[in-house]
Amino acid sequence: MSSSSSSPMYSIGYAASPMKVQRFIQNSLINQAKQQGIDLIKIDPTKPLTHQGPFGCIINKFYSSDWNHQLHLLSLHHPNVVVIDQPQAIEHVLNRVLMWLPG
């Protein structure tokens, strides 16, 4: 599916650590997504999420209590926005990792 000027773009926001963004979000990925009608938008987790949209979907690779609260508020006001990697799933993985650290 090629994007044309009459086709609307589908906005996908992504939130991740600077290291993950640098590692995975390459210009080639952004350009390929645009060709497919997808606008990848970097989300700043330090700013209100409600001021950075609208998004059809959010790829979440970030975890903090404030950010989790912002995602919760977003889900209350915009229940149709799909969040990939909900904070609960990330917390579960973090707990598994912490379980293996020496105490």
C-alpha atoms as a PDB file:
ATOM      1  CA  MET A   1       0.000   0.000   0.000  1.00  0.00           C
ATOM      2  CA  SER A   2       1.654   3.206  -1.113  1.00  0.00           C
ATOM      3  CA  SER A   3       0.722   6.466   0.487  1.00  0.00           C
ATOM      4  CA  SER A   4      -0.728   9.110  -1.776  1.00  0.00           C
ATOM      5  CA  SER A   5      -1.549  12.725  -1.046  1.00  0.00           C
ATOM      6  CA  SER A   6      -5.238  11.826  -0.682  1.00  0.00           C
ATOM      7  CA  SER A   7      -4.649   8.984   1.781  1.00  0.00           C
ATOM      8  CA  PRO A   8      -4.660   9.964   5.447  1.00  0.00           C
ATOM      9  CA  MET A   9      -1.582   9.123   7.488  1.00  0.00           C
ATOM     10  CA  TYR A  10      -1.942   6.782  10.452  1.00  0.00           C
ATOM     11  CA  SER A  11      -0.107   8.255  13.455  1.00  0.00           C
ATOM     12  CA  ILE A  12       1.903   5.916  15.651  1.00  0.00           C
ATOM     13  CA  GLY A  13       3.630   7.426  18.644  1.00  0.00           C
ATOM     14  CA  TYR A  14       6.626   5.780  20.230  1.00  0.00           C
ATOM     15  CA  ALA A  15       8.160   6.318  23.660  1.00  0.00           C
ATOM     16  CA  ALA A  16      11.489   4.743  24.540  1.00  0.00           C
ATOM     17  CA  SER A  17      14.788   5.496  26.183  1.00  0.00           C
ATOM     18  CA  PRO A  18      17.197   7.568  24.076  1.00  0.00           C
ATOM     19  CA  MET A  19      19.376   4.471  23.630  1.00  0.00           C
ATOM     20  CA  LYS A  20      16.472   2.406  22.251  1.00  0.00           C
ATOM     21  CA  VAL A  21      15.390   5.234  19.952  1.00  0.00           C
ATOM     22  CA  GLN A  22      18.926   5.600  18.596  1.00  0.00           C
ATOM     23  CA  ARG A  23      19.219   1.850  18.134  1.00  0.00           C
ATOM     24  CA  PHE A  24      15.878   1.037  16.522  1.00  0.00           C
ATOM     25  CA  ILE A  25      14.256   4.150  15.052  1.00  0.00           C
ATOM     26  CA  GLN A  26      16.407   4.709  11.982  1.00  0.00           C
ATOM     27  CA  ASN A  27      15.651   7.128   9.141  1.00  0.00           C
ATOM     28  CA  SER A  28      15.100   4.143   6.855  1.00  0.00           C
ATOM     29  CA  LEU A  29      12.321   2.883   9.173  1.00  0.00           C
ATOM     30  CA  ILE A  30      10.693   6.323   9.328  1.00  0.00           C
ATOM     31  CA  ASN A  31      10.858   6.696   5.540  1.00  0.00           C
ATOM     32  CA  GLN A  32       9.503   3.190   4.901  1.00  0.00           C
ATOM     33  CA  ALA A  33       6.659   3.829   7.339  1.00  0.00           C
ATOM     34  CA  LYS A  34       5.780   7.096   5.567  1.00  0.00           C
ATOM     35  CA  GLN A  35       5.654   5.252   2.241  1.00  0.00           C
ATOM     36  CA  GLN A  36       3.103   2.906   3.834  1.00  0.00           C
ATOM     37  CA  GLY A  37       0.957   5.766   5.167  1.00  0.00           C
ATOM     38  CA  ILE A  38       2.296   5.611   8.722  1.00  0.00           C
ATOM     39  CA  ASP A  39       3.633   8.652  10.534  1.00  0.00           C
ATOM     40  CA  LEU A  40       6.010   7.580  13.337  1.00  0.00           C
ATOM     41  CA  ILE A  41       6.056  10.299  15.977  1.00  0.00           C
ATOM     42  CA  LYS A  42       8.543  10.445  18.838  1.00  0.00           C
ATOM     43  CA  ILE A  43       6.772  11.060  22.148  1.00  0.00           C
ATOM     44  CA  ASP A  44       8.525  13.048  24.862  1.00  0.00           C
ATOM     45  CA  PRO A  45       7.610  11.248  28.114  1.00  0.00           C
ATOM     46  CA  THR A  46       8.487  14.375  30.125  1.00  0.00           C
ATOM     47  CA  LYS A  47       5.698  16.370  28.450  1.00  0.00           C
ATOM     48  CA  PRO A  48       1.936  15.829  28.773  1.00  0.00           C
ATOM     49  CA  LEU A  49       0.905  13.018  26.464  1.00  0.00           C
ATOM     50  CA  THR A  50      -2.424  14.692  25.717  1.00  0.00           C
ATOM     51  CA  HIS A  51      -0.539  17.588  24.057  1.00  0.00           C
ATOM     52  CA  GLN A  52       1.418  15.347  21.701  1.00  0.00           C
ATOM     53  CA  GLY A  53      -1.234  13.440  19.786  1.00  0.00           C
ATOM     54  CA  PRO A  54      -3.501  12.387  18.378  1.00  0.00           C
ATOM     55  CA  PHE A  55      -2.236   8.849  17.952  1.00  0.00           C
ATOM     56  CA  GLY A  56      -3.938   5.777  16.582  1.00  0.00           C
ATOM     57  CA  CYS A  57      -1.444   3.635  18.437  1.00  0.00           C
ATOM     58  CA  ILE A  58       1.419   4.037  20.917  1.00  0.00           C
ATOM     59  CA  ILE A  59       4.462   1.783  21.105  1.00  0.00           C
ATOM     60  CA  ASN A  60       5.533   1.976  24.733  1.00  0.00           C
ATOM     61  CA  LYS A  61       9.087   1.075  25.712  1.00  0.00           C
ATOM     62  CA  PHE A  62       9.311   3.534  28.601  1.00  0.00           C
ATOM     63  CA  TYR A  63       8.540   3.052  32.272  1.00  0.00           C
ATOM     64  CA  SER A  64       8.122   5.567  35.094  1.00  0.00           C
ATOM     65  CA  SER A  65       5.297   6.264  37.516  1.00  0.00           C
ATOM     66  CA  ASP A  66       4.504   9.642  35.907  1.00  0.00           C
ATOM     67  CA  TRP A  67       4.535   8.157  32.409  1.00  0.00           C
ATOM     68  CA  ASN A  68       2.347   5.254  33.517  1.00  0.00           C
ATOM     69  CA  HIS A  69      -0.126   7.764  34.949  1.00  0.00           C
ATOM     70  CA  GLN A  70      -0.147   9.650  31.638  1.00  0.00           C
ATOM     71  CA  LEU A  71      -0.884   6.431  29.753  1.00  0.00           C
ATOM     72  CA  HIS A  72      -3.688   5.660  32.197  1.00  0.00           C
ATOM     73  CA  LEU A  73      -5.250   9.103  31.649  1.00  0.00           C
ATOM     74  CA  LEU A  74      -4.927   8.675  27.898  1.00  0.00           C
ATOM     75  CA  SER A  75      -6.735   5.333  28.057  1.00  0.00           C
ATOM     76  CA  LEU A  76      -9.573   6.952  30.023  1.00  0.00           C
ATOM     77  CA  HIS A  77     -10.021   9.821  27.567  1.00  0.00           C
ATOM     78  CA  HIS A  78      -9.145   7.941  24.364  1.00  0.00           C
ATOM     79  CA  PRO A  79     -10.025   4.266  24.897  1.00  0.00           C
ATOM     80  CA  ASN A  80      -9.595   3.455  21.191  1.00  0.00           C
ATOM     81  CA  VAL A  81      -5.869   4.257  21.219  1.00  0.00           C
ATOM     82  CA  VAL A  82      -4.002   0.958  21.269  1.00  0.00           C
ATOM     83  CA  VAL A  83      -0.989   0.880  23.609  1.00  0.00           C
ATOM     84  CA  ILE A  84       1.553  -1.776  22.713  1.00  0.00           C
ATOM     85  CA  ASP A  85       3.441  -2.901  25.829  1.00  0.00           C
ATOM     86  CA  GLN A  86       1.178  -1.689  28.593  1.00  0.00           C
ATOM     87  CA  PRO A  87       3.010  -0.592  31.786  1.00  0.00           C
ATOM     88  CA  GLN A  88       1.734  -3.692  33.608  1.00  0.00           C
ATOM     89  CA  ALA A  89       3.534  -5.915  31.094  1.00  0.00           C
ATOM     90  CA  ILE A  90       6.766  -3.943  31.440  1.00  0.00           C
ATOM     91  CA  GLU A  91       6.493  -4.038  35.236  1.00  0.00           C
ATOM     92  CA  HIS A  92       6.089  -7.817  35.091  1.00  0.00           C
ATOM     93  CA  VAL A  93       9.302  -8.139  33.052  1.00  0.00           C
ATOM     94  CA  LEU A  94      11.165  -5.740  35.373  1.00  0.00           C
ATOM     95  CA  ASN A  95      10.089  -7.778  38.385  1.00  0.00           C
ATOM     96  CA  ARG A  96      11.404 -10.954  36.740  1.00  0.00           C
ATOM     97  CA  VAL A  97      14.753  -9.265  36.053  1.00  0.00           C
ATOM     98  CA  LEU A  98      15.026  -7.920  39.616  1.00  0.00           C
ATOM     99  CA  MET A  99      14.332 -11.387  40.963  1.00  0.00           C
ATOM    100  CA  TRP A 100      17.670 -12.555  39.508  1.00  0.00           C
ATOM    101  CA  LEU A 101      19.790  -9.694  40.869  1.00  0.00           C
ATOM    102  CA  PRO A 102      21.896 -10.438  43.947  1.00  0.00           C
ATOM    103  CA  GLY A 103      20.328  -8.926  47.053  1.00  0.00           C
END
